[in-house]
Amino acid sequence: MSDAFEPRSAHSARFRPFASFLVSLRFLTRLPVPFVRTVDPPRLRDSMAMFPVVGLLVGAITGGALILANMAGLPDLFCALFALGLTAMVTGAFHEDGLSDVADGFGGGITREERLEIMKDSRIGAYGTLALILFVMGRASLLTALLDLPPSAILALSAGAAAFSRALMVDLLSTTRPARSNGLSVLAGQPSRRTGLAAIVIGGLAAGLGAYAFLSLTVALLALGAAGLVLGAVRALAMRKIGGQTGDVCGAAQVVAETAMLAVFAAAIVGT
């Protein structure tokens, strides 16, 4: 993740949606993007407005897997776990890895330096294991609630939550200082406020319009608000624990924000 994201000409400074999408897709997923260099890729930090678009694709894969497993007559919980498993293969469990590292570091470290050191350790501890179990099972249970809706609604809500939660990662990177001088978030670069705002608008429209179309305007606003509150809480906790953001913190924020949105959707579905 170095030269692959560096611009090779002055054209790279311009916002080019397709090229930026390919760079973001390569960074956020394990999907093959063999021709990314042929489009003169822009820097990753200049491409982050496309993070929510990648989220739309990932969320659509999650929703599609959920629908297909349900059409096969499989139990609801298995359908949800199958969808999450396939999603983890697509993303390389990128964000879940961040969640487990943050849980281990924040839960097990006493000082700022200890927390950062634990977060760098590839081994997983009790806090990280528990966090993964809780959030995987929690998201699975929330996804089962979507099965009461038509396939188009499942796709829209799953894709919208995945899109907006990834947009919030860009906001976190653009508004919060790095906690260390190296690491993934530093290598990725700090996006501009304009890039962060563009990501929020794209992700917010995707999630808000989907929820409004299939549930209600109130649910759409509540879901966006819940994700925003979660981001604020994660940012405040990270500032208190380690003095800034890291790639792991961004990954944890994505998982928790997406779960919060799914919880709002599930509550609205069950309550009707």
C-alpha atoms as a PDB file:
ATOM      1  CA  MET A   1       0.000   0.000   0.000  1.00  0.00           C
ATOM      2  CA  SER A   2       2.522   2.572  -1.141  1.00  0.00           C
ATOM      3  CA  ASP A   3       3.273   3.206  -4.784  1.00  0.00           C
ATOM      4  CA  ALA A   4      -0.004   1.581  -5.748  1.00  0.00           C
ATOM      5  CA  PHE A   5      -1.835   4.667  -4.505  1.00  0.00           C
ATOM      6  CA  GLU A   6       0.579   7.419  -5.494  1.00  0.00           C
ATOM      7  CA  PRO A   7      -0.306   9.697  -8.416  1.00  0.00           C
ATOM      8  CA  ARG A   8       1.874   9.466 -11.479  1.00  0.00           C
ATOM      9  CA  SER A   9       0.828  12.676 -13.209  1.00  0.00           C
ATOM     10  CA  ALA A  10      -0.844  16.013 -12.690  1.00  0.00           C
ATOM     11  CA  HIS A  11      -4.116  14.454 -13.829  1.00  0.00           C
ATOM     12  CA  SER A  12      -4.193  12.482 -10.568  1.00  0.00           C
ATOM     13  CA  ALA A  13      -4.940  15.650  -8.596  1.00  0.00           C
ATOM     14  CA  ARG A  14      -8.366  15.945 -10.237  1.00  0.00           C
ATOM     15  CA  PHE A  15     -11.333  14.052  -8.865  1.00  0.00           C
ATOM     16  CA  ARG A  16     -12.056  11.225 -11.267  1.00  0.00           C
ATOM     17  CA  PRO A  17     -14.848   9.049  -9.870  1.00  0.00           C
ATOM     18  CA  PHE A  18     -14.054   5.840 -11.746  1.00  0.00           C
ATOM     19  CA  ALA A  19     -10.336   5.892 -10.971  1.00  0.00           C
ATOM     20  CA  SER A  20     -11.052   6.851  -7.359  1.00  0.00           C
ATOM     21  CA  PHE A  21     -13.565   4.026  -7.085  1.00  0.00           C
ATOM     22  CA  LEU A  22     -10.975   1.501  -8.282  1.00  0.00           C
ATOM     23  CA  VAL A  23      -8.391   2.755  -5.793  1.00  0.00           C
ATOM     24  CA  SER A  24     -10.944   2.599  -2.965  1.00  0.00           C
ATOM     25  CA  LEU A  25     -12.121  -0.842  -4.053  1.00  0.00           C
ATOM     26  CA  ARG A  26      -8.584  -2.156  -4.019  1.00  0.00           C
ATOM     27  CA  PHE A  27      -7.943  -0.708  -0.564  1.00  0.00           C
ATOM     28  CA  LEU A  28     -11.177  -1.756   1.161  1.00  0.00           C
ATOM     29  CA  THR A  29     -11.734  -5.198  -0.365  1.00  0.00           C
ATOM     30  CA  ARG A  30      -9.960  -8.301  -1.593  1.00  0.00           C
ATOM     31  CA  LEU A  31     -11.732  -8.118  -4.934  1.00  0.00           C
ATOM     32  CA  PRO A  32      -9.275  -8.212  -7.856  1.00  0.00           C
ATOM     33  CA  VAL A  33      -8.699  -4.870  -9.554  1.00  0.00           C
ATOM     34  CA  PRO A  34      -5.938  -5.813 -11.999  1.00  0.00           C
ATOM     35  CA  PHE A  35      -6.203  -2.723 -14.199  1.00  0.00           C
ATOM     36  CA  VAL A  36      -6.143  -0.066 -11.482  1.00  0.00           C
ATOM     37  CA  ARG A  37      -2.765   1.245 -12.664  1.00  0.00           C
ATOM     38  CA  THR A  38      -3.979   1.747 -16.211  1.00  0.00           C
ATOM     39  CA  VAL A  39      -6.287   4.578 -15.107  1.00  0.00           C
ATOM     40  CA  ASP A  40      -3.423   6.621 -13.608  1.00  0.00           C
ATOM     41  CA  PRO A  41      -4.686   6.145 -10.041  1.00  0.00           C
ATOM     42  CA  PRO A  42      -5.034   9.156  -7.751  1.00  0.00           C
ATOM     43  CA  ARG A  43      -3.755   9.110  -4.204  1.00  0.00           C
ATOM     44  CA  LEU A  44      -5.830   7.124  -1.763  1.00  0.00           C
ATOM     45  CA  ARG A  45      -6.619  10.166   0.373  1.00  0.00           C
ATOM     46  CA  ASP A  46      -8.026  11.914  -2.699  1.00  0.00           C
ATOM     47  CA  SER A  47     -10.142   8.858  -3.547  1.00  0.00           C
ATOM     48  CA  MET A  48     -11.891   8.415  -0.214  1.00  0.00           C
ATOM     49  CA  ALA A  49     -15.080  10.109  -1.369  1.00  0.00           C
ATOM     50  CA  MET A  50     -15.692   6.777  -3.115  1.00  0.00           C
ATOM     51  CA  PHE A  51     -15.505   4.765   0.121  1.00  0.00           C
ATOM     52  CA  PRO A  52     -19.320   4.811   0.480  1.00  0.00           C
ATOM     53  CA  VAL A  53     -19.690   3.657  -3.134  1.00  0.00           C
ATOM     54  CA  VAL A  54     -17.518   0.658  -2.315  1.00  0.00           C
ATOM     55  CA  GLY A  55     -19.706   0.237   0.757  1.00  0.00           C
ATOM     56  CA  LEU A  56     -22.763   0.095  -1.477  1.00  0.00           C
ATOM     57  CA  LEU A  57     -21.197  -2.778  -3.392  1.00  0.00           C
ATOM     58  CA  VAL A  58     -20.149  -4.640  -0.242  1.00  0.00           C
ATOM     59  CA  GLY A  59     -23.564  -4.124   1.356  1.00  0.00           C
ATOM     60  CA  ALA A  60     -25.290  -5.333  -1.802  1.00  0.00           C
ATOM     61  CA  ILE A  61     -23.182  -8.501  -1.665  1.00  0.00           C
ATOM     62  CA  THR A  62     -24.230  -8.983   1.964  1.00  0.00           C
ATOM     63  CA  GLY A  63     -27.892  -8.453   1.136  1.00  0.00           C
ATOM     64  CA  GLY A  64     -27.703 -10.643  -1.954  1.00  0.00           C
ATOM     65  CA  ALA A  65     -26.143 -13.506  -0.010  1.00  0.00           C
ATOM     66  CA  LEU A  66     -28.818 -13.139   2.666  1.00  0.00           C
ATOM     67  CA  ILE A  67     -31.575 -13.303   0.050  1.00  0.00           C
ATOM     68  CA  LEU A  68     -30.106 -16.290  -1.793  1.00  0.00           C
ATOM     69  CA  ALA A  69     -29.595 -18.282   1.403  1.00  0.00           C
ATOM     70  CA  ASN A  70     -33.168 -17.517   2.454  1.00  0.00           C
ATOM     71  CA  MET A  71     -34.496 -18.586  -0.960  1.00  0.00           C
ATOM     72  CA  ALA A  72     -32.701 -21.903  -0.428  1.00  0.00           C
ATOM     73  CA  GLY A  73     -34.883 -22.485   2.628  1.00  0.00           C
ATOM     74  CA  LEU A  74     -32.081 -22.252   5.171  1.00  0.00           C
ATOM     75  CA  PRO A  75     -32.711 -21.135   8.769  1.00  0.00           C
ATOM     76  CA  ASP A  76     -32.717 -17.375   9.278  1.00  0.00           C
ATOM     77  CA  LEU A  77     -29.667 -17.292  11.560  1.00  0.00           C
ATOM     78  CA  PHE A  78     -27.651 -19.408   9.151  1.00  0.00           C
ATOM     79  CA  CYS A  79     -28.653 -17.096   6.299  1.00  0.00           C
ATOM     80  CA  ALA A  80     -27.344 -14.097   8.225  1.00  0.00           C
ATOM     81  CA  LEU A  81     -24.099 -15.821   9.243  1.00  0.00           C
ATOM     82  CA  PHE A  82     -23.569 -16.977   5.660  1.00  0.00           C
ATOM     83  CA  ALA A  83     -24.002 -13.407   4.432  1.00  0.00           C
ATOM     84  CA  LEU A  84     -21.554 -12.072   7.021  1.00  0.00           C
ATOM     85  CA  GLY A  85     -19.064 -14.821   6.232  1.00  0.00           C
ATOM     86  CA  LEU A  86     -19.140 -14.031   2.535  1.00  0.00           C
ATOM     87  CA  THR A  87     -18.763 -10.334   3.304  1.00  0.00           C
ATOM     88  CA  ALA A  88     -15.719 -11.066   5.465  1.00  0.00           C
ATOM     89  CA  MET A  89     -14.165 -12.940   2.552  1.00  0.00           C
ATOM     90  CA  VAL A  90     -14.786  -9.973   0.253  1.00  0.00           C
ATOM     91  CA  THR A  91     -13.323  -7.418   2.675  1.00  0.00           C
ATOM     92  CA  GLY A  92     -10.699  -9.628   4.262  1.00  0.00           C
ATOM     93  CA  ALA A  93     -12.401  -8.942   7.624  1.00  0.00           C
ATOM     94  CA  PHE A  94     -10.632  -5.588   7.354  1.00  0.00           C
ATOM     95  CA  HIS A  95     -12.885  -3.682   9.738  1.00  0.00           C
ATOM     96  CA  GLU A  96     -13.479  -6.565  12.138  1.00  0.00           C
ATOM     97  CA  ASP A  97      -9.729  -6.839  12.623  1.00  0.00           C
ATOM     98  CA  GLY A  98      -9.706  -3.192  13.655  1.00  0.00           C
ATOM     99  CA  LEU A  99     -12.566  -3.786  16.070  1.00  0.00           C
ATOM    100  CA  SER A 100     -10.754  -6.638  17.814  1.00  0.00           C
ATOM    101  CA  ASP A 101      -7.489  -4.679  18.050  1.00  0.00           C
ATOM    102  CA  VAL A 102      -9.260  -1.661  19.528  1.00  0.00           C
ATOM    103  CA  ALA A 103     -11.092  -3.818  22.058  1.00  0.00           C
ATOM    104  CA  ASP A 104      -7.845  -5.481  23.130  1.00  0.00           C
ATOM    105  CA  GLY A 105      -5.890  -2.215  23.265  1.00  0.00           C
ATOM    106  CA  PHE A 106      -8.474  -0.074  24.995  1.00  0.00           C
ATOM    107  CA  GLY A 107      -9.502  -2.877  27.343  1.00  0.00           C
ATOM    108  CA  GLY A 108      -6.092  -4.265  28.230  1.00  0.00           C
ATOM    109  CA  GLY A 109      -3.737  -1.291  28.155  1.00  0.00           C
ATOM    110  CA  ILE A 110      -3.134   1.036  31.080  1.00  0.00           C
ATOM    111  CA  THR A 111      -1.161   3.803  29.410  1.00  0.00           C
ATOM    112  CA  ARG A 112      -1.445   5.310  25.935  1.00  0.00           C
ATOM    113  CA  GLU A 113       1.769   3.618  24.863  1.00  0.00           C
ATOM    114  CA  GLU A 114       0.605   0.215  26.129  1.00  0.00           C
ATOM    115  CA  ARG A 115      -2.698   0.525  24.275  1.00  0.00           C
ATOM    116  CA  LEU A 116      -0.994   1.411  21.006  1.00  0.00           C
ATOM    117  CA  GLU A 117       1.465  -1.446  21.427  1.00  0.00           C
ATOM    118  CA  ILE A 118      -1.317  -3.960  22.079  1.00  0.00           C
ATOM    119  CA  MET A 119      -3.203  -2.705  19.034  1.00  0.00           C
ATOM    120  CA  LYS A 120      -0.140  -3.395  16.861  1.00  0.00           C
ATOM    121  CA  ASP A 121       0.041  -7.004  18.081  1.00  0.00           C
ATOM    122  CA  SER A 122      -1.474  -9.406  15.539  1.00  0.00           C
ATOM    123  CA  ARG A 123      -2.525 -11.792  18.289  1.00  0.00           C
ATOM    124  CA  ILE A 124      -6.080 -11.515  19.596  1.00  0.00           C
ATOM    125  CA  GLY A 125      -6.924 -11.378  23.280  1.00  0.00           C
ATOM    126  CA  ALA A 126     -10.009 -11.899  25.414  1.00  0.00           C
ATOM    127  CA  TYR A 127     -11.434  -8.416  24.817  1.00  0.00           C
ATOM    128  CA  GLY A 128     -10.996  -8.709  21.062  1.00  0.00           C
ATOM    129  CA  THR A 129     -12.490 -12.178  20.949  1.00  0.00           C
ATOM    130  CA  LEU A 130     -15.504 -11.111  22.972  1.00  0.00           C
ATOM    131  CA  ALA A 131     -16.026  -8.020  20.819  1.00  0.00           C
ATOM    132  CA  LEU A 132     -15.976 -10.084  17.622  1.00  0.00           C
ATOM    133  CA  ILE A 133     -18.423 -12.643  19.005  1.00  0.00           C
ATOM    134  CA  LEU A 134     -20.830  -9.998  20.244  1.00  0.00           C
ATOM    135  CA  PHE A 135     -20.806  -7.931  17.084  1.00  0.00           C
ATOM    136  CA  VAL A 136     -20.926 -10.835  14.644  1.00  0.00           C
ATOM    137  CA  MET A 137     -23.821 -12.444  16.463  1.00  0.00           C
ATOM    138  CA  GLY A 138     -25.460  -9.073  17.020  1.00  0.00           C
ATOM    139  CA  ARG A 139     -25.298  -8.151  13.343  1.00  0.00           C
ATOM    140  CA  ALA A 140     -26.492 -11.623  12.379  1.00  0.00           C
ATOM    141  CA  SER A 141     -29.554 -11.325  14.586  1.00  0.00           C
ATOM    142  CA  LEU A 142     -30.310  -7.877  13.167  1.00  0.00           C
ATOM    143  CA  LEU A 143     -29.951  -9.121   9.589  1.00  0.00           C
ATOM    144  CA  THR A 144     -32.541 -11.820  10.242  1.00  0.00           C
ATOM    145  CA  ALA A 145     -35.092  -9.065  10.858  1.00  0.00           C
ATOM    146  CA  LEU A 146     -34.553  -7.825   7.295  1.00  0.00           C
ATOM    147  CA  LEU A 147     -35.853 -11.142   5.976  1.00  0.00           C
ATOM    148  CA  ASP A 148     -39.392  -9.923   6.686  1.00  0.00           C
ATOM    149  CA  LEU A 149     -38.944  -7.392   3.876  1.00  0.00           C
ATOM    150  CA  PRO A 150     -38.958  -7.856   0.082  1.00  0.00           C
ATOM    151  CA  PRO A 151     -35.569  -8.507  -1.575  1.00  0.00           C
ATOM    152  CA  SER A 152     -35.307  -4.968  -2.936  1.00  0.00           C
ATOM    153  CA  ALA A 153     -35.659  -3.556   0.575  1.00  0.00           C
ATOM    154  CA  ILE A 154     -33.057  -5.963   1.974  1.00  0.00           C
ATOM    155  CA  LEU A 155     -30.577  -4.870  -0.675  1.00  0.00           C
ATOM    156  CA  ALA A 156     -31.288  -1.177  -0.159  1.00  0.00           C
ATOM    157  CA  LEU A 157     -31.016  -1.239   3.636  1.00  0.00           C
ATOM    158  CA  SER A 158     -27.943  -3.484   3.757  1.00  0.00           C
ATOM    159  CA  ALA A 159     -26.151  -1.457   1.089  1.00  0.00           C
ATOM    160  CA  GLY A 160     -27.115   1.849   2.674  1.00  0.00           C
ATOM    161  CA  ALA A 161     -25.803   0.918   6.108  1.00  0.00           C
ATOM    162  CA  ALA A 162     -22.547  -0.343   4.615  1.00  0.00           C
ATOM    163  CA  ALA A 163     -22.169   2.835   2.562  1.00  0.00           C
ATOM    164  CA  PHE A 164     -22.805   5.393   5.311  1.00  0.00           C
ATOM    165  CA  SER A 165     -20.669   3.574   7.880  1.00  0.00           C
ATOM    166  CA  ARG A 166     -17.725   3.710   5.452  1.00  0.00           C
ATOM    167  CA  ALA A 167     -18.396   7.378   4.784  1.00  0.00           C
ATOM    168  CA  LEU A 168     -18.020   7.967   8.516  1.00  0.00           C
ATOM    169  CA  MET A 169     -14.528   6.466   8.347  1.00  0.00           C
ATOM    170  CA  VAL A 170     -13.560   9.251   5.941  1.00  0.00           C
ATOM    171  CA  ASP A 171     -15.023  11.850   8.297  1.00  0.00           C
ATOM    172  CA  LEU A 172     -13.040  10.376  11.180  1.00  0.00           C
ATOM    173  CA  LEU A 173      -9.825  10.486   9.146  1.00  0.00           C
ATOM    174  CA  SER A 174     -10.422  14.043   7.953  1.00  0.00           C
ATOM    175  CA  THR A 175     -11.332  15.577  11.322  1.00  0.00           C
ATOM    176  CA  THR A 176      -9.215  13.658  13.842  1.00  0.00           C
ATOM    177  CA  ARG A 177      -5.446  13.704  14.205  1.00  0.00           C
ATOM    178  CA  PRO A 178      -3.488  10.438  13.931  1.00  0.00           C
ATOM    179  CA  ALA A 179      -2.535   8.818  17.217  1.00  0.00           C
ATOM    180  CA  ARG A 180       0.850   7.650  15.922  1.00  0.00           C
ATOM    181  CA  SER A 181       3.355   8.791  13.335  1.00  0.00           C
ATOM    182  CA  ASN A 182       3.105   5.599  11.298  1.00  0.00           C
ATOM    183  CA  GLY A 183       0.486   2.954  10.651  1.00  0.00           C
ATOM    184  CA  LEU A 184      -2.292   2.376   8.165  1.00  0.00           C
ATOM    185  CA  SER A 185      -4.160   5.651   8.611  1.00  0.00           C
ATOM    186  CA  VAL A 186      -0.942   7.650   8.195  1.00  0.00           C
ATOM    187  CA  LEU A 187       0.055   5.701   5.079  1.00  0.00           C
ATOM    188  CA  ALA A 188      -3.430   6.184   3.652  1.00  0.00           C
ATOM    189  CA  GLY A 189      -3.155   9.925   4.202  1.00  0.00           C
ATOM    190  CA  GLN A 190      -5.521  12.480   5.695  1.00  0.00           C
ATOM    191  CA  PRO A 191      -8.376  13.368   3.344  1.00  0.00           C
ATOM    192  CA  SER A 192      -9.458  16.972   3.025  1.00  0.00           C
ATOM    193  CA  ARG A 193     -12.598  18.270   4.723  1.00  0.00           C
ATOM    194  CA  ARG A 194     -14.101  18.544   1.248  1.00  0.00           C
ATOM    195  CA  THR A 195     -13.455  14.850   0.603  1.00  0.00           C
ATOM    196  CA  GLY A 196     -14.935  13.962   3.983  1.00  0.00           C
ATOM    197  CA  LEU A 197     -18.037  16.014   3.281  1.00  0.00           C
ATOM    198  CA  ALA A 198     -18.436  14.440  -0.161  1.00  0.00           C
ATOM    199  CA  ALA A 199     -18.270  10.973   1.391  1.00  0.00           C
ATOM    200  CA  ILE A 200     -20.883  11.888   4.007  1.00  0.00           C
ATOM    201  CA  VAL A 201     -23.226  13.275   1.363  1.00  0.00           C
ATOM    202  CA  ILE A 202     -22.870  10.216  -0.890  1.00  0.00           C
ATOM    203  CA  GLY A 203     -23.229   7.730   1.949  1.00  0.00           C
ATOM    204  CA  GLY A 204     -26.003   9.689   3.647  1.00  0.00           C
ATOM    205  CA  LEU A 205     -28.072   9.891   0.478  1.00  0.00           C
ATOM    206  CA  ALA A 206     -27.612   6.184  -0.214  1.00  0.00           C
ATOM    207  CA  ALA A 207     -28.638   5.142   3.298  1.00  0.00           C
ATOM    208  CA  GLY A 208     -31.280   7.804   3.839  1.00  0.00           C
ATOM    209  CA  LEU A 209     -33.121   7.337   0.555  1.00  0.00           C
ATOM    210  CA  GLY A 210     -33.172   3.559   0.935  1.00  0.00           C
ATOM    211  CA  ALA A 211     -34.548   3.699   4.460  1.00  0.00           C
ATOM    212  CA  TYR A 212     -37.063   6.380   3.507  1.00  0.00           C
ATOM    213  CA  ALA A 213     -38.292   4.393   0.494  1.00  0.00           C
ATOM    214  CA  PHE A 214     -38.840   1.114   2.328  1.00  0.00           C
ATOM    215  CA  LEU A 215     -39.427   2.177   5.949  1.00  0.00           C
ATOM    216  CA  SER A 216     -40.043   5.855   6.725  1.00  0.00           C
ATOM    217  CA  LEU A 217     -38.389   9.251   6.890  1.00  0.00           C
ATOM    218  CA  THR A 218     -38.284   9.001  10.681  1.00  0.00           C
ATOM    219  CA  VAL A 219     -36.428   5.690  10.524  1.00  0.00           C
ATOM    220  CA  ALA A 220     -34.017   7.083   7.948  1.00  0.00           C
ATOM    221  CA  LEU A 221     -33.164  10.063  10.145  1.00  0.00           C
ATOM    222  CA  LEU A 222     -32.881   7.908  13.268  1.00  0.00           C
ATOM    223  CA  ALA A 223     -30.504   5.490  11.529  1.00  0.00           C
ATOM    224  CA  LEU A 224     -28.268   8.296  10.274  1.00  0.00           C
ATOM    225  CA  GLY A 225     -28.368   9.957  13.680  1.00  0.00           C
ATOM    226  CA  ALA A 226     -27.514   6.715  15.488  1.00  0.00           C
ATOM    227  CA  ALA A 227     -24.500   6.156  13.251  1.00  0.00           C
ATOM    228  CA  GLY A 228     -23.371   9.743  13.802  1.00  0.00           C
ATOM    229  CA  LEU A 229     -23.667   9.387  17.567  1.00  0.00           C
ATOM    230  CA  VAL A 230     -21.656   6.178  17.461  1.00  0.00           C
ATOM    231  CA  LEU A 231     -18.933   7.897  15.474  1.00  0.00           C
ATOM    232  CA  GLY A 232     -18.827  10.705  18.024  1.00  0.00           C
ATOM    233  CA  ALA A 233     -18.533   8.207  20.859  1.00  0.00           C
ATOM    234  CA  VAL A 234     -15.751   6.263  19.134  1.00  0.00           C
ATOM    235  CA  ARG A 235     -13.872   9.488  18.363  1.00  0.00           C
ATOM    236  CA  ALA A 236     -14.182  10.708  21.961  1.00  0.00           C
ATOM    237  CA  LEU A 237     -13.046   7.360  23.350  1.00  0.00           C
ATOM    238  CA  ALA A 238     -10.089   7.199  20.978  1.00  0.00           C
ATOM    239  CA  MET A 239      -9.010  10.711  21.903  1.00  0.00           C
ATOM    240  CA  ARG A 240      -9.169   9.849  25.589  1.00  0.00           C
ATOM    241  CA  LYS A 241      -7.431   6.485  25.285  1.00  0.00           C
ATOM    242  CA  ILE A 242      -4.745   7.082  22.650  1.00  0.00           C
ATOM    243  CA  GLY A 243      -4.993  10.742  21.656  1.00  0.00           C
ATOM    244  CA  GLY A 244      -6.264  10.292  18.112  1.00  0.00           C
ATOM    245  CA  GLN A 245      -7.335   7.881  15.411  1.00  0.00           C
ATOM    246  CA  THR A 246      -5.653   4.873  13.827  1.00  0.00           C
ATOM    247  CA  GLY A 247      -6.654   2.493  11.068  1.00  0.00           C
ATOM    248  CA  ASP A 248      -7.963   0.126  13.737  1.00  0.00           C
ATOM    249  CA  VAL A 249     -10.123   2.864  15.236  1.00  0.00           C
ATOM    250  CA  CYS A 250     -11.573   3.607  11.806  1.00  0.00           C
ATOM    251  CA  GLY A 251     -12.379  -0.068  11.293  1.00  0.00           C
ATOM    252  CA  ALA A 252     -14.033  -0.314  14.687  1.00  0.00           C
ATOM    253  CA  ALA A 253     -16.080   2.813  13.966  1.00  0.00           C
ATOM    254  CA  GLN A 254     -17.341   1.288  10.727  1.00  0.00           C
ATOM    255  CA  VAL A 255     -18.477  -1.950  12.372  1.00  0.00           C
ATOM    256  CA  VAL A 256     -20.194  -0.245  15.300  1.00  0.00           C
ATOM    257  CA  ALA A 257     -21.866   2.406  13.121  1.00  0.00           C
ATOM    258  CA  GLU A 258     -23.195  -0.180  10.671  1.00  0.00           C
ATOM    259  CA  THR A 259     -24.518  -2.261  13.574  1.00  0.00           C
ATOM    260  CA  ALA A 260     -26.269   0.800  15.019  1.00  0.00           C
ATOM    261  CA  MET A 261     -28.014   1.474  11.711  1.00  0.00           C
ATOM    262  CA  LEU A 262     -29.094  -2.154  11.356  1.00  0.00           C
ATOM    263  CA  ALA A 263     -30.447  -2.000  14.918  1.00  0.00           C
ATOM    264  CA  VAL A 264     -32.641   0.972  14.008  1.00  0.00           C
ATOM    265  CA  PHE A 265     -33.887  -0.797  10.888  1.00  0.00           C
ATOM    266  CA  ALA A 266     -34.590  -4.012  12.809  1.00  0.00           C
ATOM    267  CA  ALA A 267     -36.450  -2.158  15.567  1.00  0.00           C
ATOM    268  CA  ALA A 268     -38.649  -0.449  12.982  1.00  0.00           C
ATOM    269  CA  ILE A 269     -39.393  -3.745  11.210  1.00  0.00           C
ATOM    270  CA  VAL A 270     -40.157  -5.703  14.369  1.00  0.00           C
ATOM    271  CA  GLY A 271     -42.287  -2.857  15.722  1.00  0.00           C
ATOM    272  CA  THR A 272     -44.595  -2.740  12.711  1.00  0.00           C
END
